[in-house]
Amino acid sequence: MEIKEYIKELPMRAVKPRGDGSFTVVPQMSQGQVAARQLAAIQSVVEEYGLPGIRVTAGQRVMIDGVSADILREVVEKVGPVGDVFRHKVQSCLGTTGCRLAMQDSMGLAARMEEFLKDYSLPTKLKSSVSGCSMCCAESLIRDIGLIGRKTGWTVSFGGNGGKRVRQGDVLAQDVTEIEAFEIIGKALDFYAENAKVKERTARFAERVGVDAIKKAIFGE
């Protein structure tokens, strides 16, 4: 089987081609967490094949660069699960599990958010983020969906973007419960899925239709 066909059979974003002809292998991770067994497998592969090491990304992922085509299959098999756990990845700060400033359990909510989003079919990729307090260390306000913890609940934002055209997301609600936040997000995504252009990110969609139209779809008149 040719390399291109082999890569197509792997989970999404498991292997990425590099400009020099080598490949990047992306171990499967969620919210930047690595189990001891997985970490040992990554270390073993890097040492066995004399690879340059690993790279930690801004999106809380680990990448193994410089994998040549002739060892690609072996590296993937030995690393273990690769690619995306969920179709729509959710980023998170430590929250109450490890930050004295946190007001909410951001990691717990991010895990439930991944489950909530896993079956959504959307016009293009979706980036979400959960921050445990208003310091917003997980950069929630520049994500398609953002959740920010407060003492009295969650702030929900929609339509943020951190790319070349940076956009701060529109705040849809404040001080809501987790259940209420998911209801709001679900209605916002339904409206987005029904009305967005192909490959139109939420930031450009929000600019085009306006936040009032999005709020109307969620909350009514």
Foldseek 3Di string as FASTA:
>chain_A
DDPVVVVVPAEPPQWAADPVQFIKGWAEDAQLDDDPVLVVLQVVLCVVVVFPHWDQDLQNTIIGPDHHPVCVVVSDVSSPRGDYPAQAGEYEDCAPVDDPPFQDRQVVLRVVVRVLCRPDDALAYFYAYEYRAPVCPRVRQQGQWRWHHDNQAIWIFHQAHDPPDGDGTDTLDPSDHSVVNSLLVVQLRVVRRVDPDRPDGGNVVCVVPHPVVSNCSRPND
